[in-house]
Amino acid sequence: MRGGRLAVAGALLLLTGGACRRAPTGAAAEDPLAGARTLIDERRFDEAIAAIGEKEDAEALYLRGRAWAGKAQTAPVPTPVPGSHGGEPMKPEESQALAFFERAVAARPDLAAAHLGIADLLAPHALAAVRRGEAAPGNSTVDRVLESYGRAIQADAAATAAVESMIRFATAAGRVAEADGAFQELVRRRREDPDLLVRYGDFLAGPGRNPGGALAQYSQALIWRPDDTKTRLKIADIHLTAAATLLAAREWAAAEARLRDARRFVTDPSSAEAARLREMEGRLREIRGR
C-alpha cells in the first residue's frame, strides 16, 4: 500500500510541477506496461525486464516472470549435482520466473495468467518425474501443476487455454480423473462444438476407459452433424467390441442386440467396421444354426 501511495504522489507532482511535459497518450497512458508486453512478444526479454524496472504490482511481477521464462527457453541446462538421483535440475532462469509468478499470485490471487505461467513452467519437470516412475497421486510436482491449472481455470470463467493445457498435461501424466473433469469443463465452455464432443468421446473410449460415456458424446456430436461417417463408425466400433466380448461369453442374445446397434451406424460398406460386422453376424448365424 505504501508503494502505491508513493507512486500516486509522484504522479501528482509531475502533473502539478511539470506542466511543460506532455502527458502520456494512447496505449502507454492506458497501460504503462504496454511497451514491456511488446518487447516480450518480440522475445527481447532483457529489454523487457529493464523496461518493467522495479514495479511491484501483480501485473508487473507477472510480466517479469514471463520474461524470465522466455530467457529460460534458450538457457543451458545446469549440470546435475554428482550423486543426485533426481531429474533434470531447474534452470536459474526458470527459478527466477517461478518466483515472480508466485509473487504475482500472492499479490493478486485471481490473476489467471500467472497461475497458468506457474503450471506451464513446471509441467515439463512434472512429466519428467512421471517418466521416472513418479506418476502416482501425491507426486508433489504433478499435483502442483494440476492445482495451478485449476486455479487459472477458476480465475477466468470464459477462457479455454488453461483448460486445454490441463487436459494435455493430465492425460500425459496419467491422471485420468483430472483430464475427464477438464474435458467436462471445456464442453461447458464450448457448447455446441461437435469436434470437441468427438475429442471427448475419443478420450473416454481410450484413456478414460468409459465406452458408455464415449457413446453419449459421439451421439451428442451427431445431433449437430448427423452425416458424420467417421463418428458413426466410432459408435459402431464400440458396439462391435462389446458384441465380441459377449460372443466370447456365449451371451448370444445380448451379442445380437449389440450387432443390431452397430449395423445402424455402419454406413460405409467398405469400412473395417463393416467387415467386422459381417464376420460376427456370420459367426452368430453359425451358432444359431447348430
Protein backbone atom coordinates (compact mmCIF):
# COMPACT_ATOMS: atom_id res chain seq x y z
CA MET A 1 0.00 0.00 0.00
CA ARG A 2 2.80 2.44 0.87
CA GLY A 3 4.44 1.91 -2.54
CA GLY A 4 1.08 2.60 -4.22
CA ARG A 5 0.65 5.89 -2.27
CA LEU A 6 4.17 6.99 -3.21
CA ALA A 7 3.51 6.23 -6.86
CA VAL A 8 0.30 8.29 -6.78
CA ALA A 9 2.07 11.17 -5.01
CA GLY A 10 4.82 11.11 -7.61
CA ALA A 11 2.31 11.24 -10.42
CA LEU A 12 0.58 14.26 -8.84
CA LEU A 13 3.89 16.09 -8.54
CA LEU A 14 4.57 15.52 -12.22
CA LEU A 15 1.15 16.88 -13.13
CA THR A 16 1.42 19.99 -10.97
CA GLY A 17 5.09 20.78 -11.28
CA GLY A 18 5.93 19.63 -14.77
CA ALA A 19 3.32 21.38 -16.92
CA CYS A 20 5.78 21.71 -19.76
CA ARG A 21 5.92 17.92 -20.18
CA ARG A 22 3.42 16.24 -22.41
CA ALA A 23 1.08 13.72 -20.76
CA PRO A 24 1.30 10.13 -22.00
CA THR A 25 -1.14 9.35 -24.77
CA GLY A 26 -2.62 6.28 -26.40
CA ALA A 27 -1.83 2.76 -25.22
CA ALA A 28 1.00 3.94 -22.95
CA ALA A 29 -1.44 6.13 -20.99
CA GLU A 30 -3.89 3.25 -20.62
CA ASP A 31 -1.29 0.56 -19.94
CA PRO A 32 2.12 1.68 -18.65
CA LEU A 33 3.38 -1.86 -19.26
CA ALA A 34 2.34 -1.93 -22.92
CA GLY A 35 5.92 -1.43 -24.09
CA ALA A 36 7.17 -4.30 -21.94
CA ARG A 37 4.44 -6.57 -23.30
CA THR A 38 5.52 -5.76 -26.84
CA LEU A 39 9.15 -6.46 -26.02
CA ILE A 40 8.21 -9.86 -24.54
CA ASP A 41 6.16 -10.71 -27.61
CA GLU A 42 9.21 -9.80 -29.70
CA ARG A 43 11.37 -12.03 -27.47
CA ARG A 44 13.50 -9.08 -26.36
CA PHE A 45 13.43 -10.32 -22.81
CA ASP A 46 16.32 -8.39 -21.27
CA GLU A 47 14.93 -5.13 -22.64
CA ALA A 48 11.51 -6.03 -21.26
CA ILE A 49 12.93 -6.67 -17.81
CA ALA A 50 14.70 -3.31 -17.92
CA ALA A 51 11.51 -1.57 -19.10
CA ILE A 52 9.47 -3.03 -16.23
CA GLY A 53 12.04 -1.90 -13.72
CA GLU A 54 11.25 -2.36 -10.05
CA LYS A 55 7.46 -2.15 -10.31
CA GLU A 56 5.87 -4.40 -7.69
CA ASP A 57 2.23 -4.58 -8.79
CA ALA A 58 0.88 -8.02 -9.75
CA GLU A 59 0.87 -7.38 -13.48
CA ALA A 60 4.47 -6.16 -13.48
CA LEU A 61 5.56 -9.19 -11.46
CA TYR A 62 3.74 -11.47 -13.89
CA LEU A 63 5.43 -9.86 -16.90
CA ARG A 64 8.84 -10.20 -15.27
CA GLY A 65 8.01 -13.88 -14.81
CA ARG A 66 7.11 -14.17 -18.49
CA ALA A 67 10.36 -12.51 -19.48
CA TRP A 68 12.46 -14.82 -17.33
CA ALA A 69 10.51 -17.83 -18.59
CA GLY A 70 11.32 -16.68 -22.12
CA LYS A 71 15.01 -16.39 -21.26
CA ALA A 72 14.88 -19.92 -19.84
CA GLN A 73 13.86 -21.38 -23.20
CA THR A 74 17.35 -20.85 -24.64
CA ALA A 75 19.37 -21.06 -21.41
CA PRO A 76 21.68 -24.06 -20.93
CA VAL A 77 20.59 -26.91 -18.70
CA PRO A 78 22.52 -26.94 -15.40
CA THR A 79 24.83 -29.85 -14.74
CA PRO A 80 23.22 -32.21 -12.20
CA VAL A 81 24.87 -32.42 -8.81
CA PRO A 82 27.13 -35.52 -8.71
CA GLY A 83 25.39 -38.40 -6.97
CA SER A 84 21.91 -36.89 -7.29
CA HIS A 85 19.14 -39.21 -8.45
CA GLY A 86 16.55 -36.60 -9.36
CA GLY A 87 15.65 -35.42 -12.82
CA GLU A 88 16.93 -32.51 -14.81
CA PRO A 89 17.52 -29.59 -12.40
CA MET A 90 15.58 -26.36 -12.84
CA LYS A 91 17.41 -23.63 -14.72
CA PRO A 92 18.21 -20.47 -12.73
CA GLU A 93 16.07 -18.53 -15.22
CA GLU A 94 13.15 -20.86 -14.51
CA SER A 95 13.59 -20.35 -10.79
CA GLN A 96 13.51 -16.59 -11.32
CA ALA A 97 10.36 -16.87 -13.44
CA LEU A 98 8.66 -19.09 -10.86
CA ALA A 99 9.48 -16.66 -8.06
CA PHE A 100 7.93 -13.75 -9.97
CA PHE A 101 4.82 -15.75 -10.88
CA GLU A 102 4.41 -16.78 -7.23
CA ARG A 103 4.75 -13.17 -6.09
CA ALA A 104 2.18 -12.14 -8.71
CA VAL A 105 -0.45 -14.59 -7.48
CA ALA A 106 0.30 -13.70 -3.88
CA ALA A 107 -0.41 -10.07 -4.74
CA ARG A 108 -3.46 -10.92 -6.84
CA PRO A 109 -4.84 -14.45 -6.37
CA ASP A 110 -7.29 -14.06 -9.27
CA LEU A 111 -4.56 -13.37 -11.85
CA ALA A 112 -5.25 -16.34 -14.11
CA ALA A 113 -2.28 -15.71 -16.40
CA ALA A 114 0.20 -16.01 -13.52
CA HIS A 115 -1.32 -19.30 -12.34
CA LEU A 116 -1.07 -20.53 -15.93
CA GLY A 117 2.54 -19.36 -16.05
CA ILE A 118 3.37 -21.45 -12.97
CA ALA A 119 1.70 -24.53 -14.42
CA ASP A 120 3.30 -24.22 -17.86
CA LEU A 121 6.72 -23.65 -16.29
CA LEU A 122 6.54 -26.70 -14.02
CA ALA A 123 4.70 -29.05 -16.39
CA PRO A 124 7.82 -30.35 -18.25
CA HIS A 125 9.54 -31.10 -14.94
CA ALA A 126 6.43 -32.88 -13.65
CA LEU A 127 6.17 -35.03 -16.79
CA ALA A 128 9.85 -35.89 -16.46
CA ALA A 129 9.05 -37.12 -12.96
CA VAL A 130 6.23 -39.22 -14.42
CA ARG A 131 8.65 -40.80 -16.88
CA ARG A 132 10.90 -41.67 -13.96
CA GLY A 133 8.04 -43.63 -12.44
CA GLU A 134 6.76 -40.98 -10.06
CA ALA A 135 3.28 -40.67 -11.58
CA ALA A 136 1.22 -41.81 -8.60
CA PRO A 137 -1.21 -39.40 -6.93
CA GLY A 138 0.65 -37.49 -4.27
CA ASN A 139 3.55 -36.58 -6.55
CA SER A 140 4.07 -33.04 -5.37
CA THR A 141 5.15 -31.57 -8.73
CA VAL A 142 2.32 -33.19 -10.69
CA ASP A 143 -0.21 -32.13 -8.06
CA ARG A 144 1.12 -28.59 -8.03
CA VAL A 145 0.80 -28.27 -11.80
CA LEU A 146 -2.76 -29.59 -11.68
CA GLU A 147 -3.58 -27.17 -8.86
CA SER A 148 -2.15 -24.21 -10.77
CA TYR A 149 -4.08 -25.10 -13.91
CA GLY A 150 -7.19 -25.46 -11.76
CA ARG A 151 -6.67 -22.01 -10.24
CA ALA A 152 -6.15 -20.49 -13.68
CA ILE A 153 -9.38 -22.10 -14.88
CA GLN A 154 -11.27 -20.88 -11.84
CA ALA A 155 -9.91 -17.35 -12.16
CA ASP A 156 -11.10 -16.95 -15.76
CA ALA A 157 -14.57 -18.36 -16.29
CA ALA A 158 -14.57 -17.87 -20.07
CA ALA A 159 -11.09 -18.65 -21.40
CA THR A 160 -10.20 -22.12 -22.64
CA ALA A 161 -6.39 -22.08 -22.92
CA ALA A 162 -5.82 -23.27 -19.35
CA VAL A 163 -8.47 -25.98 -19.71
CA GLU A 164 -6.86 -27.28 -22.89
CA SER A 165 -3.45 -27.26 -21.19
CA MET A 166 -4.81 -29.15 -18.21
CA ILE A 167 -6.31 -31.80 -20.50
CA ARG A 168 -2.97 -32.30 -22.27
CA PHE A 169 -0.97 -32.39 -19.06
CA ALA A 170 -3.32 -34.60 -17.06
CA THR A 171 -3.60 -37.08 -19.94
CA ALA A 172 0.18 -37.24 -20.36
CA ALA A 173 0.63 -37.64 -16.60
CA GLY A 174 -1.88 -40.48 -16.45
CA ARG A 175 -4.28 -38.51 -14.26
CA VAL A 176 -7.46 -39.65 -15.97
CA ALA A 177 -9.95 -38.22 -13.45
CA GLU A 178 -8.44 -34.74 -13.72
CA ALA A 179 -8.37 -34.92 -17.51
CA ASP A 180 -12.00 -36.05 -17.54
CA GLY A 181 -13.02 -33.17 -15.29
CA ALA A 182 -11.20 -30.70 -17.53
CA PHE A 183 -12.94 -32.11 -20.61
CA GLN A 184 -16.29 -31.63 -18.88
CA GLU A 185 -15.40 -28.03 -18.10
CA LEU A 186 -14.28 -27.42 -21.68
CA VAL A 187 -17.54 -28.85 -23.04
CA ARG A 188 -19.40 -26.49 -20.70
CA ARG A 189 -17.44 -23.51 -22.02
CA ARG A 190 -17.67 -24.50 -25.68
CA ARG A 191 -21.21 -25.74 -26.09
CA GLU A 192 -22.46 -26.93 -29.44
CA ASP A 193 -18.94 -27.81 -30.66
CA PRO A 194 -19.17 -31.25 -32.31
CA ASP A 195 -15.40 -31.51 -32.80
CA LEU A 196 -14.89 -31.13 -29.05
CA LEU A 197 -17.60 -33.69 -28.32
CA VAL A 198 -15.82 -36.17 -30.60
CA ARG A 199 -12.49 -35.42 -28.89
CA TYR A 200 -14.06 -36.05 -25.50
CA GLY A 201 -15.58 -39.26 -26.83
CA ASP A 202 -12.17 -40.39 -28.09
CA PHE A 203 -10.71 -39.72 -24.65
CA LEU A 204 -13.46 -41.71 -22.93
CA ALA A 205 -13.13 -44.57 -25.41
CA GLY A 206 -9.35 -44.61 -24.86
CA PRO A 207 -7.60 -43.46 -21.67
CA GLY A 208 -10.91 -42.82 -19.91
CA ARG A 209 -11.98 -46.46 -20.32
CA ASN A 210 -15.61 -45.43 -20.40
CA PRO A 211 -17.16 -46.67 -23.66
CA GLY A 212 -20.65 -45.87 -22.44
CA GLY A 213 -19.65 -42.27 -21.84
CA ALA A 214 -17.96 -42.17 -25.25
CA LEU A 215 -21.19 -43.31 -26.91
CA ALA A 216 -23.03 -40.43 -25.22
CA GLN A 217 -20.54 -37.85 -26.50
CA TYR A 218 -20.48 -39.26 -30.03
CA SER A 219 -24.27 -39.34 -30.10
CA GLN A 220 -24.39 -35.71 -28.98
CA ALA A 221 -21.96 -34.78 -31.77
CA LEU A 222 -24.21 -36.48 -34.32
CA ILE A 223 -27.06 -34.16 -33.34
CA TRP A 224 -25.03 -31.35 -34.88
CA ARG A 225 -23.53 -33.42 -37.70
CA PRO A 226 -25.84 -36.37 -38.41
CA ASP A 227 -23.97 -37.37 -41.59
CA ASP A 228 -20.53 -37.57 -39.94
CA THR A 229 -19.44 -41.00 -41.16
CA LYS A 230 -16.27 -41.12 -39.06
CA THR A 231 -18.17 -40.52 -35.83
CA ARG A 232 -20.84 -43.03 -36.78
CA LEU A 233 -18.12 -45.63 -37.31
CA LYS A 234 -16.63 -44.82 -33.90
CA ILE A 235 -20.02 -45.66 -32.38
CA ALA A 236 -20.20 -48.85 -34.42
CA ASP A 237 -16.72 -49.86 -33.26
CA ILE A 238 -17.75 -49.59 -29.60
CA HIS A 239 -20.81 -51.75 -30.21
CA LEU A 240 -18.74 -54.30 -32.16
CA THR A 241 -16.15 -54.53 -29.39
CA ALA A 242 -18.92 -55.13 -26.85
CA ALA A 243 -20.50 -57.73 -29.15
CA ALA A 244 -17.20 -59.61 -29.44
CA THR A 245 -16.92 -59.77 -25.66
CA LEU A 246 -20.49 -61.04 -25.38
CA LEU A 247 -19.90 -63.69 -28.07
CA ALA A 248 -16.85 -64.92 -26.16
CA ALA A 249 -19.01 -65.14 -23.04
CA ARG A 250 -21.67 -67.09 -25.01
CA GLU A 251 -24.28 -64.43 -24.35
CA TRP A 252 -25.87 -64.78 -27.77
CA ALA A 253 -28.95 -62.59 -27.35
CA ALA A 254 -27.01 -59.67 -25.90
CA ALA A 255 -24.37 -60.03 -28.63
CA GLU A 256 -27.07 -59.99 -31.31
CA ALA A 257 -28.57 -56.80 -29.85
CA ARG A 258 -25.16 -55.12 -29.95
CA LEU A 259 -24.67 -56.16 -33.56
CA ARG A 260 -28.03 -54.63 -34.45
CA ASP A 261 -26.92 -51.41 -32.78
CA ALA A 262 -23.66 -51.48 -34.73
CA ARG A 263 -25.46 -52.02 -38.05
CA ARG A 264 -27.39 -48.75 -37.57
CA PHE A 265 -24.11 -46.83 -37.71
CA VAL A 266 -22.16 -48.73 -40.38
CA THR A 267 -22.91 -46.55 -43.38
CA ASP A 268 -19.70 -47.35 -45.29
CA PRO A 269 -19.78 -50.94 -46.59
CA SER A 270 -16.07 -50.78 -47.43
CA SER A 271 -15.01 -49.87 -43.88
CA ALA A 272 -13.17 -52.14 -41.48
CA GLU A 273 -16.20 -51.89 -39.18
CA ALA A 274 -18.47 -53.23 -41.93
CA ALA A 275 -16.11 -56.20 -42.41
CA ARG A 276 -16.09 -56.91 -38.65
CA LEU A 277 -19.86 -56.69 -38.56
CA ARG A 278 -20.28 -59.19 -41.40
CA GLU A 279 -17.81 -61.58 -39.79
CA MET A 280 -19.54 -61.52 -36.38
CA GLU A 281 -23.01 -61.77 -37.88
CA GLY A 282 -21.79 -64.84 -39.80
CA ARG A 283 -20.44 -66.41 -36.62
CA LEU A 284 -23.71 -65.76 -34.84
CA ARG A 285 -25.71 -67.35 -37.67
CA GLU A 286 -23.49 -70.44 -37.48
CA ILE A 287 -24.08 -70.65 -33.74
CA ARG A 288 -27.82 -70.23 -34.18
CA GLY A 289 -27.85 -72.98 -36.85
CA ARG A 290 -26.19 -75.60 -34.71
